[in-house]
Amino acid sequence: MDFELAEEHAMLKDLVARFVKDELMPLEPSVLARETVGEGLGIGAAEQARLDEVSRSLGLWGLDAPEDIGGADLPHVALVGVNEELGRTVTPYTLPPDSPNLRMLMATVTDRQRDAYLAPYVRGETISAIGISEPGAGADPAGMTSRAVRDGEDWVINGRKIWISRAAEADFTIVMAVSDKDKGARGGISAFLVDKGTSGFNVLRRIPMIGGAATYEVALEDCRVEGWKLLGTEGQGFAPMQLRLGTRRLEMAAWSIGMAGRALDMMCEFAPQRVTFGQPLSERGVIQGWVADAATRIHAARLMTYDCAWKLDQARDARLEISMIKAFATEMAWEVVDRAMQAFGAMGMTKELPLQLMAARLRTMRIYDGPTEVHTWVVARNLLGSKR
């Protein structure tokens, strides 16, 4: 059993680490300043353009996209290292294209959709969003009420979606809706490609979230979608949606490892310098315990995440492992960052350090894409043999 990354994947991880250190971390003061004055979590247009130019020149676009449309077709294992490094900074930047929606498109597109949606997405020409959650439905797809009804060759969608990232700026949104009410989540959910500006696709409001982030609520009111924009097979949208969710959960585990690693580094650098009551923090048993525990749990989370990624690359059923790493890694990082803030004392409570943005991001990640409690329930249900 080999626990080392392939040489080319290790080199990629190192390249991303340098990109994060040289390009993203220097922007953190401006990111923190914007968030502090209520301008949200983001970077300016000029900064975005420069980062796009640099990352593209380094060959960091389309890492897991198909080779025949300009991607590198890298496995999940390679992307774990990439996302761990990206998780170490609070500068919000995604290497185009965003992997979860990419994977869903790759698994479902027709030739026409490949040319119209997937190829431009891989080239970084478009932005995508996905509408899954609904008011009142939470993490339970069986509670989905948005309906898609055939009307001739078209589909007409009615319903409401919430907690959608990038809904206002996305060029297209993947909308999940019930196309067969009798079957519901078991063969009755379909996915649709809805373009920006489509009549009946109405962004109702921007929802400010903690840490300067934002999501959106969308209403679909007699939203007419051409028949060829049905994504995948009618009624079979649940499986590709789970593929998309599994990809994001794997990313979130890697990001969590990166954030926890950054917090641990900060704690290890600060503890020997901070003297209280005549003794450096690094010589106090509590701090030593926090450091050792953090290092141990980061190591465990990293091994779990690589194992899960490897199983996905081997086309094995890794649903249980996905739930395990989503719950374990986010909760681990939440506690490591919290302890780092505690170790920094009053300074840890300021908006001058990146720790507070990490904490806010992790707090939302413990809920997004399935709350910790749901994932632990899924693991227990499978182990106990319960199907309900």
Protein backbone atom coordinates (compact mmCIF):
# COMPACT_ATOMS: atom_id res chain seq x y z
CA MET A 1 0.00 0.00 0.00
CA ASP A 2 1.51 3.31 -1.16
CA PHE A 3 0.67 6.43 0.82
CA GLU A 4 2.68 8.78 -1.41
CA LEU A 5 1.16 10.96 -4.13
CA ALA A 6 2.28 10.25 -7.66
CA GLU A 7 5.21 12.51 -8.56
CA GLU A 8 3.17 14.64 -10.99
CA HIS A 9 0.40 15.09 -8.43
CA ALA A 10 2.87 16.05 -5.71
CA MET A 11 4.39 18.60 -8.09
CA LEU A 12 0.94 20.00 -8.79
CA LYS A 13 0.26 20.32 -5.06
CA ASP A 14 3.54 22.21 -4.64
CA LEU A 15 2.66 24.49 -7.57
CA VAL A 16 -0.70 25.35 -6.03
CA ALA A 17 0.99 25.93 -2.66
CA ARG A 18 3.27 28.50 -4.30
CA PHE A 19 0.32 30.12 -6.07
CA VAL A 20 -1.50 30.41 -2.74
CA LYS A 21 1.56 31.82 -0.96
CA ASP A 22 2.63 34.24 -3.71
CA GLU A 23 -0.73 35.35 -5.14
CA LEU A 24 -3.61 34.68 -2.73
CA MET A 25 -2.20 35.26 0.74
CA PRO A 26 -0.88 38.75 -0.11
CA LEU A 27 -4.48 39.73 -0.87
CA GLU A 28 -5.74 38.69 2.57
CA PRO A 29 -5.34 42.13 4.20
CA SER A 30 -7.60 43.71 1.57
CA VAL A 31 -10.08 40.81 1.83
CA LEU A 32 -10.22 41.24 5.61
CA ALA A 33 -10.58 45.02 5.29
CA ARG A 34 -13.50 44.73 2.84
CA GLU A 35 -15.32 42.23 5.02
CA THR A 36 -14.75 44.38 8.12
CA VAL A 37 -16.51 47.40 6.59
CA GLY A 38 -19.42 45.31 5.34
CA GLU A 39 -18.44 45.00 1.67
CA GLY A 40 -18.70 41.22 1.80
CA LEU A 41 -16.22 38.47 1.14
CA GLY A 42 -14.58 38.98 -2.20
CA ILE A 43 -11.83 40.42 -4.34
CA GLY A 44 -11.91 43.26 -6.85
CA ALA A 45 -12.39 42.85 -10.59
CA ALA A 46 -8.77 43.74 -11.31
CA GLU A 47 -7.53 41.25 -8.72
CA GLN A 48 -9.81 38.56 -10.16
CA ALA A 49 -8.52 39.20 -13.68
CA ARG A 50 -4.89 39.04 -12.57
CA LEU A 51 -5.41 35.82 -10.62
CA ASP A 52 -7.18 34.30 -13.62
CA GLU A 53 -4.27 35.26 -15.85
CA VAL A 54 -1.65 33.87 -13.48
CA SER A 55 -3.47 30.63 -12.65
CA ARG A 56 -4.21 29.97 -16.31
CA SER A 57 -0.59 30.57 -17.30
CA LEU A 58 0.44 28.06 -14.64
CA GLY A 59 -1.85 25.43 -16.16
CA LEU A 60 -4.23 25.35 -13.21
CA TRP A 61 -7.49 25.59 -15.16
CA GLY A 62 -9.64 22.60 -16.01
CA LEU A 63 -7.66 20.26 -13.79
CA ASP A 64 -10.36 17.57 -13.67
CA ALA A 65 -12.08 18.43 -16.97
CA PRO A 66 -11.95 16.13 -20.02
CA GLU A 67 -8.78 16.36 -22.07
CA ASP A 68 -10.62 16.57 -25.39
CA ILE A 69 -12.07 19.95 -24.42
CA GLY A 70 -8.96 21.43 -22.88
CA GLY A 71 -8.86 19.84 -19.44
CA ALA A 72 -6.20 17.78 -17.68
CA ASP A 73 -8.54 14.94 -16.66
CA LEU A 74 -6.87 14.56 -13.26
CA PRO A 75 -8.22 12.08 -10.70
CA HIS A 76 -9.90 12.94 -7.40
CA VAL A 77 -6.69 12.05 -5.54
CA ALA A 78 -4.78 14.83 -7.29
CA LEU A 79 -7.49 17.36 -6.46
CA VAL A 80 -7.34 16.60 -2.72
CA GLY A 81 -3.85 18.12 -2.54
CA VAL A 82 -4.92 21.08 -4.68
CA ASN A 83 -7.89 21.88 -2.46
CA GLU A 84 -5.94 21.42 0.76
CA GLU A 85 -3.58 24.16 -0.39
CA LEU A 86 -6.46 26.42 -1.50
CA GLY A 87 -8.04 25.93 1.92
CA ARG A 88 -5.06 27.57 3.62
CA THR A 89 -6.08 31.07 2.52
CA VAL A 90 -9.17 33.18 3.18
CA THR A 91 -8.82 34.90 -0.20
CA PRO A 92 -11.86 33.57 -2.09
CA TYR A 93 -10.69 32.20 -5.40
CA THR A 94 -11.82 29.15 -7.36
CA LEU A 95 -9.69 27.60 -10.06
CA PRO A 96 -12.03 27.44 -13.09
CA PRO A 97 -14.23 25.56 -13.52
CA ASP A 98 -15.86 24.71 -10.19
CA SER A 99 -15.50 20.92 -9.91
CA PRO A 100 -18.89 19.81 -8.48
CA ASN A 101 -21.05 21.22 -11.28
CA LEU A 102 -18.37 20.19 -13.77
CA ARG A 103 -18.57 16.55 -12.65
CA MET A 104 -22.36 16.60 -12.86
CA LEU A 105 -22.23 18.01 -16.37
CA MET A 106 -19.58 15.53 -17.45
CA ALA A 107 -21.79 12.64 -16.35
CA THR A 108 -24.96 13.83 -18.08
CA VAL A 109 -24.51 16.17 -21.05
CA THR A 110 -25.66 15.37 -24.57
CA ASP A 111 -23.46 16.32 -27.53
CA ARG A 112 -25.43 19.52 -27.94
CA GLN A 113 -25.15 20.39 -24.25
CA ARG A 114 -21.46 19.55 -24.33
CA ASP A 115 -20.87 22.23 -26.95
CA ALA A 116 -23.27 24.79 -25.48
CA TYR A 117 -22.54 24.38 -21.76
CA LEU A 118 -19.68 22.05 -20.82
CA ALA A 119 -17.01 23.29 -23.24
CA PRO A 120 -17.46 27.02 -22.42
CA TYR A 121 -17.53 26.13 -18.73
CA VAL A 122 -14.23 24.26 -18.98
CA ARG A 123 -12.69 27.22 -20.84
CA GLY A 124 -13.66 29.51 -17.95
CA GLU A 125 -16.06 31.53 -20.09
CA THR A 126 -19.15 30.89 -17.96
CA ILE A 127 -20.20 30.72 -14.32
CA SER A 128 -22.64 28.13 -13.03
CA ALA A 129 -24.91 27.67 -10.03
CA ILE A 130 -27.15 24.88 -8.80
CA GLY A 131 -30.57 25.05 -7.15
CA ILE A 132 -31.29 22.08 -4.88
CA SER A 133 -32.41 23.28 -1.45
CA GLU A 134 -35.90 24.65 -0.87
CA PRO A 135 -37.53 26.54 1.98
CA GLY A 136 -38.72 23.86 4.39
CA ALA A 137 -37.06 20.94 2.58
CA GLY A 138 -33.59 21.28 4.11
CA ALA A 139 -31.26 18.34 3.48
CA ASP A 140 -34.11 15.97 2.56
CA PRO A 141 -34.56 15.62 -1.23
CA ALA A 142 -37.85 13.80 -0.60
CA GLY A 143 -39.22 17.13 0.60
CA MET A 144 -38.57 18.82 -2.76
CA THR A 145 -41.74 20.47 -4.10
CA SER A 146 -40.54 22.38 -7.17
CA ARG A 147 -42.38 20.87 -10.16
CA ALA A 148 -41.38 20.46 -13.78
CA VAL A 149 -44.25 19.69 -16.15
CA ARG A 150 -44.03 18.88 -19.86
CA ASP A 151 -45.65 21.32 -22.24
CA GLY A 152 -45.14 20.10 -25.77
CA GLU A 153 -41.40 19.85 -26.35
CA ASP A 154 -40.64 22.17 -23.43
CA TRP A 155 -40.72 21.96 -19.65
CA VAL A 156 -42.39 24.48 -17.36
CA ILE A 157 -40.93 24.77 -13.87
CA ASN A 158 -42.60 26.24 -10.81
CA GLY A 159 -41.18 26.38 -7.32
CA ARG A 160 -38.72 28.10 -5.05
CA LYS A 161 -35.04 27.50 -4.36
CA ILE A 162 -32.85 28.91 -1.60
CA TRP A 163 -29.23 29.04 -0.41
CA ILE A 164 -27.93 29.21 -3.98
CA SER A 165 -24.39 30.53 -4.36
CA ARG A 166 -23.74 32.80 -7.37
CA ALA A 167 -27.38 32.72 -8.56
CA ALA A 168 -27.33 36.41 -9.53
CA GLU A 169 -24.16 36.25 -11.61
CA ALA A 170 -24.34 32.68 -12.97
CA ASP A 171 -24.68 32.30 -16.74
CA PHE A 172 -26.72 29.16 -16.13
CA THR A 173 -28.19 27.37 -13.15
CA ILE A 174 -28.80 23.64 -12.80
CA VAL A 175 -32.29 23.45 -11.33
CA MET A 176 -33.52 20.27 -9.64
CA ALA A 177 -37.27 19.69 -9.79
CA VAL A 178 -39.83 16.91 -9.39
CA SER A 179 -40.90 15.71 -12.83
CA ASP A 180 -42.92 12.73 -11.54
CA LYS A 181 -44.80 13.47 -8.34
CA ASP A 182 -45.70 9.83 -7.71
CA LYS A 183 -42.07 8.67 -7.80
CA GLY A 184 -40.62 11.72 -6.04
CA ALA A 185 -37.02 11.22 -4.94
CA ARG A 186 -37.08 7.61 -6.19
CA GLY A 187 -37.05 8.15 -9.93
CA GLY A 188 -39.02 11.35 -10.18
CA ILE A 189 -36.41 14.12 -9.87
CA SER A 190 -34.93 15.71 -12.99
CA ALA A 191 -32.26 18.33 -13.64
CA PHE A 192 -32.61 21.28 -16.03
CA LEU A 193 -30.24 23.87 -17.47
CA VAL A 194 -31.76 27.31 -16.97
CA ASP A 195 -30.00 30.24 -18.60
CA LYS A 196 -29.55 33.64 -17.00
CA GLY A 197 -32.35 35.94 -18.11
CA THR A 198 -34.84 33.12 -18.74
CA SER A 199 -38.38 34.41 -18.21
CA GLY A 200 -39.77 33.15 -14.91
CA PHE A 201 -36.34 32.66 -13.29
CA ASN A 202 -36.45 35.39 -10.66
CA VAL A 203 -33.71 36.10 -8.14
CA LEU A 204 -35.77 37.28 -5.17
CA ARG A 205 -33.12 38.37 -2.72
CA ARG A 206 -29.50 38.25 -1.71
CA ILE A 207 -29.08 36.59 1.69
CA PRO A 208 -26.08 37.83 3.71
CA MET A 209 -24.32 34.97 5.49
CA ILE A 210 -21.77 35.00 8.27
CA GLY A 211 -18.18 35.71 7.28
CA GLY A 212 -19.18 38.13 4.53
CA ALA A 213 -20.51 35.42 2.20
CA ALA A 214 -23.91 35.51 0.51
CA THR A 215 -26.45 33.17 -1.05
CA TYR A 216 -29.69 33.78 -2.95
CA GLU A 217 -33.33 32.81 -3.00
CA VAL A 218 -34.89 32.17 -6.41
CA ALA A 219 -38.51 31.81 -7.52
CA LEU A 220 -39.41 29.87 -10.64
CA GLU A 221 -42.74 31.07 -11.96
CA ASP A 222 -43.88 29.35 -15.14
CA CYS A 223 -40.22 29.17 -16.11
CA ARG A 224 -40.14 27.64 -19.59
CA VAL A 225 -37.10 25.54 -20.47
CA GLU A 226 -36.51 24.06 -23.91
CA GLY A 227 -36.70 20.28 -24.01
CA TRP A 228 -33.07 19.81 -25.03
CA LYS A 229 -31.99 21.47 -21.79
CA LEU A 230 -33.16 18.53 -19.68
CA LEU A 231 -29.86 17.44 -18.11
CA GLY A 232 -29.49 13.68 -18.18
CA THR A 233 -32.39 11.23 -18.20
CA GLU A 234 -35.86 12.30 -17.16
CA GLY A 235 -36.52 11.26 -13.58
CA GLN A 236 -32.92 10.19 -13.02
CA GLY A 237 -31.48 13.45 -11.72
CA PHE A 238 -30.88 12.20 -8.19
CA ALA A 239 -27.76 10.11 -8.95
CA PRO A 240 -25.84 12.85 -10.84
CA MET A 241 -26.90 15.31 -8.15
CA GLN A 242 -25.32 13.00 -5.57
CA LEU A 243 -22.18 12.84 -7.74
CA ARG A 244 -22.08 16.61 -7.62
CA LEU A 245 -22.64 16.66 -3.84
CA GLY A 246 -20.00 13.99 -3.27
CA THR A 247 -17.45 16.04 -5.20
CA ARG A 248 -18.19 19.13 -3.10
CA ARG A 249 -18.01 17.15 0.14
CA LEU A 250 -14.61 15.81 -0.86
CA GLU A 251 -13.50 19.38 -1.57
CA MET A 252 -14.84 20.56 1.78
CA ALA A 253 -12.88 17.89 3.61
CA ALA A 254 -9.69 18.98 1.82
CA TRP A 255 -10.40 22.67 2.49
CA SER A 256 -10.95 21.82 6.16
CA ILE A 257 -7.56 20.11 6.32
CA GLY A 258 -5.98 23.21 4.78
CA MET A 259 -7.67 25.59 7.21
CA ALA A 260 -6.77 23.44 10.21
CA GLY A 261 -3.18 23.23 8.99
CA ARG A 262 -2.93 26.99 8.65
CA ALA A 263 -4.42 27.48 12.14
CA LEU A 264 -1.98 24.95 13.60
CA ASP A 265 0.97 26.72 11.94
CA MET A 266 -0.20 30.03 13.36
CA MET A 267 -0.52 28.51 16.83
CA CYS A 268 2.94 26.93 16.65
CA GLU A 269 4.49 30.23 15.55
CA PHE A 270 2.69 32.30 18.18
CA ALA A 271 2.94 30.04 21.24
CA PRO A 272 6.72 30.35 21.82
CA GLN A 273 6.53 34.15 21.47
CA ARG A 274 3.64 34.82 23.83
CA VAL A 275 4.72 34.88 27.48
CA THR A 276 2.12 34.86 30.26
CA PHE A 277 2.93 34.78 33.96
CA GLY A 278 6.61 34.29 33.14
CA GLN A 279 6.20 31.32 30.84
CA PRO A 280 5.77 30.93 27.05
CA LEU A 281 2.47 29.44 25.99
CA SER A 282 4.43 26.71 24.21
CA GLU A 283 5.53 25.33 27.59
CA ARG A 284 2.00 25.01 28.94
CA GLY A 285 0.43 21.59 28.90
CA VAL A 286 -2.92 22.78 27.58
CA ILE A 287 -1.35 24.39 24.50
CA GLN A 288 0.90 21.38 23.93
CA GLY A 289 -2.18 19.16 24.09
CA TRP A 290 -4.02 21.32 21.57
CA VAL A 291 -1.08 21.25 19.18
CA ALA A 292 -0.57 17.49 19.41
CA ASP A 293 -4.30 16.80 19.07
CA ALA A 294 -4.58 19.09 16.05
CA ALA A 295 -1.62 17.48 14.28
CA THR A 296 -2.99 14.01 14.95
CA ARG A 297 -6.51 14.76 13.77
CA ILE A 298 -5.30 16.63 10.67
CA HIS A 299 -3.20 13.60 9.77
CA ALA A 300 -6.19 11.29 10.28
CA ALA A 301 -8.48 13.51 8.21
CA ARG A 302 -5.94 13.71 5.38
CA LEU A 303 -5.55 9.93 5.21
CA MET A 304 -9.33 9.45 5.30
CA THR A 305 -9.81 11.97 2.52
CA TYR A 306 -7.17 10.45 0.25
CA ASP A 307 -8.66 7.02 0.87
CA CYS A 308 -12.10 8.29 -0.13
CA ALA A 309 -10.71 9.99 -3.24
CA TRP A 310 -8.85 6.84 -4.26
CA LYS A 311 -12.02 4.77 -3.96
CA LEU A 312 -13.90 7.28 -6.12
CA ASP A 313 -11.14 7.07 -8.72
CA GLN A 314 -11.51 3.28 -8.65
CA ALA A 315 -15.25 3.69 -9.32
CA ARG A 316 -16.04 2.12 -5.97
CA ASP A 317 -19.06 2.98 -3.86
CA ALA A 318 -17.68 5.55 -1.41
CA ARG A 319 -20.91 7.07 -0.15
CA LEU A 320 -20.22 5.99 3.42
CA GLU A 321 -16.68 7.38 3.31
CA ILE A 322 -17.95 10.66 1.84
CA SER A 323 -20.29 11.11 4.80
CA MET A 324 -17.49 10.19 7.21
CA ILE A 325 -15.00 12.73 5.85
CA LYS A 326 -17.58 15.49 5.49
CA ALA A 327 -18.50 15.19 9.16
CA PHE A 328 -15.06 14.39 10.58
CA ALA A 329 -12.97 16.93 8.68
CA THR A 330 -15.27 19.94 9.13
CA GLU A 331 -15.77 19.25 12.85
CA MET A 332 -12.05 18.65 13.31
CA ALA A 333 -11.12 21.93 11.61
CA TRP A 334 -13.80 23.86 13.50
CA GLU A 335 -12.27 22.77 16.81
CA VAL A 336 -8.67 23.38 15.70
CA VAL A 337 -9.46 26.91 14.50
CA ASP A 338 -11.44 27.60 17.67
CA ARG A 339 -8.51 26.53 19.83
CA ALA A 340 -6.13 28.67 17.78
CA MET A 341 -8.40 31.66 18.40
CA GLN A 342 -8.39 30.80 22.10
CA ALA A 343 -4.61 30.58 22.14
CA PHE A 344 -4.31 34.02 20.54
CA GLY A 345 -6.53 35.48 23.26
CA ALA A 346 -8.02 38.90 22.52
CA MET A 347 -6.08 39.07 19.26
CA GLY A 348 -7.88 35.93 18.18
CA MET A 349 -11.17 37.80 18.47
CA THR A 350 -10.15 40.54 16.07
CA LYS A 351 -10.89 40.88 12.38
CA GLU A 352 -7.21 41.51 11.73
CA LEU A 353 -6.41 37.79 11.65
CA PRO A 354 -7.73 35.29 9.10
CA LEU A 355 -8.89 32.95 11.87
CA GLN A 356 -12.29 34.60 12.20
CA LEU A 357 -13.06 34.14 8.49
CA MET A 358 -11.93 30.51 8.71
CA ALA A 359 -14.22 30.00 11.69
CA ALA A 360 -17.17 31.54 9.86
CA ARG A 361 -16.52 29.45 6.76
CA LEU A 362 -16.25 26.26 8.78
CA ARG A 363 -19.41 27.09 10.70
CA THR A 364 -21.36 27.22 7.44
CA MET A 365 -19.59 24.13 6.05
CA ARG A 366 -20.83 22.14 9.02
CA ILE A 367 -24.32 22.70 7.57
CA TYR A 368 -23.85 23.09 3.79
CA ASP A 369 -24.09 19.95 1.66
CA GLY A 370 -25.61 18.03 4.52
CA PRO A 371 -25.29 18.93 8.23
CA THR A 372 -22.89 16.91 10.37
CA GLU A 373 -25.82 15.29 12.14
CA VAL A 374 -27.29 14.01 8.86
CA HIS A 375 -23.97 12.51 7.75
CA THR A 376 -23.40 10.79 11.10
CA TRP A 377 -26.96 9.47 10.88
CA VAL A 378 -26.24 8.12 7.38
CA VAL A 379 -23.14 6.30 8.65
CA ALA A 380 -24.96 4.85 11.66
CA ARG A 381 -28.00 3.85 9.57
CA ASN A 382 -25.81 1.90 7.16
CA LEU A 383 -23.84 0.19 9.89
CA LEU A 384 -27.00 -0.74 11.77
CA GLY A 385 -28.65 -2.05 8.62
CA SER A 386 -31.57 0.36 8.76
CA LYS A 387 -33.08 1.39 5.42
CA ARG A 388 -35.45 4.01 6.80
